[in-house]
Amino acid sequence: MSGETRGGGFLSGVLLGVLIGATLAIVLAPEGGEDLRETLRGKAREASGRARDAAADFAERAVVLAGDVKAGVDELYQRGRSMVDEVTTNGLDGVAGKE
């Protein structure tokens, strides 16, 4: 769950940075109107690519995390199943080691 929060925070940070950068570019740029628009288009494409890369990285990490969680759940299930089988076979005293 915390990976989702960090990934979402990162993406929000990227988008906020793009917005601040675009605003500063408009205010501080010594370029003419058409040149400025072309520069901003290029920066927007670049930022969009970075955001896509960040989203893909986040998705990849989520898949890995889901696999890890599934493996942990499977292991716990098997351990629980083993305990149930042991209780069924030996009774509660056998599980507690009181044989």
C-alpha atoms as a PDB file:
ATOM      1  CA  MET A   1       0.000   0.000   0.000  1.00  0.00           C
ATOM      2  CA  SER A   2       2.758   2.452   0.809  1.00  0.00           C
ATOM      3  CA  GLY A   3       4.188   1.873  -2.690  1.00  0.00           C
ATOM      4  CA  GLU A   4       0.958   3.233  -4.130  1.00  0.00           C
ATOM      5  CA  THR A   5       1.251   6.338  -1.999  1.00  0.00           C
ATOM      6  CA  ARG A   6       4.857   6.942  -2.982  1.00  0.00           C
ATOM      7  CA  GLY A   7       4.112   6.335  -6.667  1.00  0.00           C
ATOM      8  CA  GLY A   8       1.132   8.669  -6.609  1.00  0.00           C
ATOM      9  CA  GLY A   9       3.162  11.296  -4.769  1.00  0.00           C
ATOM     10  CA  PHE A  10       5.942  11.031  -7.304  1.00  0.00           C
ATOM     11  CA  LEU A  11       3.552  11.448 -10.223  1.00  0.00           C
ATOM     12  CA  SER A  12       1.897  14.414  -8.502  1.00  0.00           C
ATOM     13  CA  GLY A  13       5.327  15.931  -7.969  1.00  0.00           C
ATOM     14  CA  VAL A  14       6.230  15.478 -11.629  1.00  0.00           C
ATOM     15  CA  LEU A  15       3.002  17.130 -12.749  1.00  0.00           C
ATOM     16  CA  LEU A  16       3.444  19.994 -10.278  1.00  0.00           C
ATOM     17  CA  GLY A  17       7.018  20.482 -11.488  1.00  0.00           C
ATOM     18  CA  VAL A  18       5.845  20.617 -15.092  1.00  0.00           C
ATOM     19  CA  LEU A  19       3.219  23.224 -14.219  1.00  0.00           C
ATOM     20  CA  ILE A  20       5.698  25.379 -12.290  1.00  0.00           C
ATOM     21  CA  GLY A  21       8.312  25.019 -15.025  1.00  0.00           C
ATOM     22  CA  ALA A  22       5.863  26.020 -17.747  1.00  0.00           C
ATOM     23  CA  THR A  23       4.740  29.044 -15.758  1.00  0.00           C
ATOM     24  CA  LEU A  24       8.317  30.172 -15.146  1.00  0.00           C
ATOM     25  CA  ALA A  25       9.163  29.617 -18.803  1.00  0.00           C
ATOM     26  CA  ILE A  26       6.351  31.922 -19.871  1.00  0.00           C
ATOM     27  CA  VAL A  27       7.282  34.612 -17.357  1.00  0.00           C
ATOM     28  CA  LEU A  28      11.057  34.529 -17.773  1.00  0.00           C
ATOM     29  CA  ALA A  29      11.533  33.530 -21.411  1.00  0.00           C
ATOM     30  CA  PRO A  30      13.203  36.127 -23.660  1.00  0.00           C
ATOM     31  CA  GLU A  31      11.842  34.348 -26.757  1.00  0.00           C
ATOM     32  CA  GLY A  32       9.160  35.571 -29.117  1.00  0.00           C
ATOM     33  CA  GLY A  33       5.639  34.147 -29.047  1.00  0.00           C
ATOM     34  CA  GLU A  34       5.993  31.424 -31.701  1.00  0.00           C
ATOM     35  CA  ASP A  35       9.403  30.305 -30.427  1.00  0.00           C
ATOM     36  CA  LEU A  36       8.078  30.190 -26.887  1.00  0.00           C
ATOM     37  CA  ARG A  37       5.061  28.114 -27.909  1.00  0.00           C
ATOM     38  CA  GLU A  38       7.301  25.651 -29.738  1.00  0.00           C
ATOM     39  CA  THR A  39       9.617  25.402 -26.732  1.00  0.00           C
ATOM     40  CA  LEU A  40       6.652  24.827 -24.435  1.00  0.00           C
ATOM     41  CA  ARG A  41       5.258  22.146 -26.750  1.00  0.00           C
ATOM     42  CA  GLY A  42       8.616  20.375 -26.651  1.00  0.00           C
ATOM     43  CA  LYS A  43       8.821  20.616 -22.874  1.00  0.00           C
ATOM     44  CA  ALA A  44       5.244  19.354 -22.553  1.00  0.00           C
ATOM     45  CA  ARG A  45       6.057  16.340 -24.760  1.00  0.00           C
ATOM     46  CA  GLU A  46       9.171  15.684 -22.696  1.00  0.00           C
ATOM     47  CA  ALA A  47       7.247  15.929 -19.413  1.00  0.00           C
ATOM     48  CA  SER A  48       4.512  13.699 -20.803  1.00  0.00           C
ATOM     49  CA  GLY A  49       7.118  11.083 -21.684  1.00  0.00           C
ATOM     50  CA  ARG A  50       8.613  11.266 -18.204  1.00  0.00           C
ATOM     51  CA  ALA A  51       5.165  10.939 -16.637  1.00  0.00           C
ATOM     52  CA  ARG A  52       4.439   7.902 -18.833  1.00  0.00           C
ATOM     53  CA  ASP A  53       7.763   6.354 -17.816  1.00  0.00           C
ATOM     54  CA  ALA A  54       7.016   7.005 -14.139  1.00  0.00           C
ATOM     55  CA  ALA A  55       3.554   5.439 -14.491  1.00  0.00           C
ATOM     56  CA  ALA A  56       5.027   2.388 -16.243  1.00  0.00           C
ATOM     57  CA  ASP A  57       7.658   2.032 -13.507  1.00  0.00           C
ATOM     58  CA  PHE A  58       4.970   2.309 -10.850  1.00  0.00           C
ATOM     59  CA  ALA A  59       2.847  -0.334 -12.603  1.00  0.00           C
ATOM     60  CA  GLU A  60       5.833  -2.670 -12.871  1.00  0.00           C
ATOM     61  CA  ARG A  61       6.594  -2.280  -9.174  1.00  0.00           C
ATOM     62  CA  ALA A  62       2.933  -2.920  -8.338  1.00  0.00           C
ATOM     63  CA  VAL A  63       3.016  -6.181 -10.315  1.00  0.00           C
ATOM     64  CA  VAL A  64       6.159  -7.304  -8.470  1.00  0.00           C
ATOM     65  CA  LEU A  65       4.629  -6.369  -5.119  1.00  0.00           C
ATOM     66  CA  ALA A  66       1.417  -8.233  -5.967  1.00  0.00           C
ATOM     67  CA  GLY A  67       3.488 -11.320  -6.807  1.00  0.00           C
ATOM     68  CA  ASP A  68       5.322 -11.069  -3.491  1.00  0.00           C
ATOM     69  CA  VAL A  69       2.058 -10.702  -1.585  1.00  0.00           C
ATOM     70  CA  LYS A  70       0.548 -13.676  -3.418  1.00  0.00           C
ATOM     71  CA  ALA A  71       3.582 -15.805  -2.589  1.00  0.00           C
ATOM     72  CA  GLY A  72       3.280 -14.835   1.083  1.00  0.00           C
ATOM     73  CA  VAL A  73      -0.431 -15.611   1.140  1.00  0.00           C
ATOM     74  CA  ASP A  74       0.169 -18.957  -0.564  1.00  0.00           C
ATOM     75  CA  GLU A  75       2.817 -19.832   2.021  1.00  0.00           C
ATOM     76  CA  LEU A  76       0.517 -18.892   4.906  1.00  0.00           C
ATOM     77  CA  TYR A  77      -2.291 -20.904   3.353  1.00  0.00           C
ATOM     78  CA  GLN A  78      -0.055 -23.973   3.072  1.00  0.00           C
ATOM     79  CA  ARG A  79       1.113 -23.613   6.678  1.00  0.00           C
ATOM     80  CA  GLY A  80      -2.470 -23.270   7.885  1.00  0.00           C
ATOM     81  CA  ARG A  81      -3.563 -26.203   5.763  1.00  0.00           C
ATOM     82  CA  SER A  82      -0.737 -28.291   7.216  1.00  0.00           C
ATOM     83  CA  MET A  83      -1.830 -27.403  10.750  1.00  0.00           C
ATOM     84  CA  VAL A  84      -5.439 -28.336   9.968  1.00  0.00           C
ATOM     85  CA  ASP A  85      -4.292 -31.666   8.541  1.00  0.00           C
ATOM     86  CA  GLU A  86      -2.179 -32.304  11.634  1.00  0.00           C
ATOM     87  CA  VAL A  87      -5.080 -31.497  13.962  1.00  0.00           C
ATOM     88  CA  THR A  88      -7.336 -33.752  11.928  1.00  0.00           C
ATOM     89  CA  THR A  89      -4.820 -36.580  12.167  1.00  0.00           C
ATOM     90  CA  ASN A  90      -3.459 -36.173  15.725  1.00  0.00           C
ATOM     91  CA  GLY A  91      -5.969 -34.000  17.562  1.00  0.00           C
ATOM     92  CA  LEU A  92      -5.088 -30.763  19.351  1.00  0.00           C
ATOM     93  CA  ASP A  93      -2.600 -32.436  21.698  1.00  0.00           C
ATOM     94  CA  GLY A  94      -0.452 -33.519  18.751  1.00  0.00           C
ATOM     95  CA  VAL A  95      -0.155 -29.931  17.493  1.00  0.00           C
ATOM     96  CA  ALA A  96       0.781 -28.573  20.907  1.00  0.00           C
ATOM     97  CA  GLY A  97       3.504 -31.191  21.244  1.00  0.00           C
ATOM     98  CA  LYS A  98       1.854 -32.970  24.193  1.00  0.00           C
ATOM     99  CA  GLU A  99       1.992 -36.478  22.719  1.00  0.00           C
END
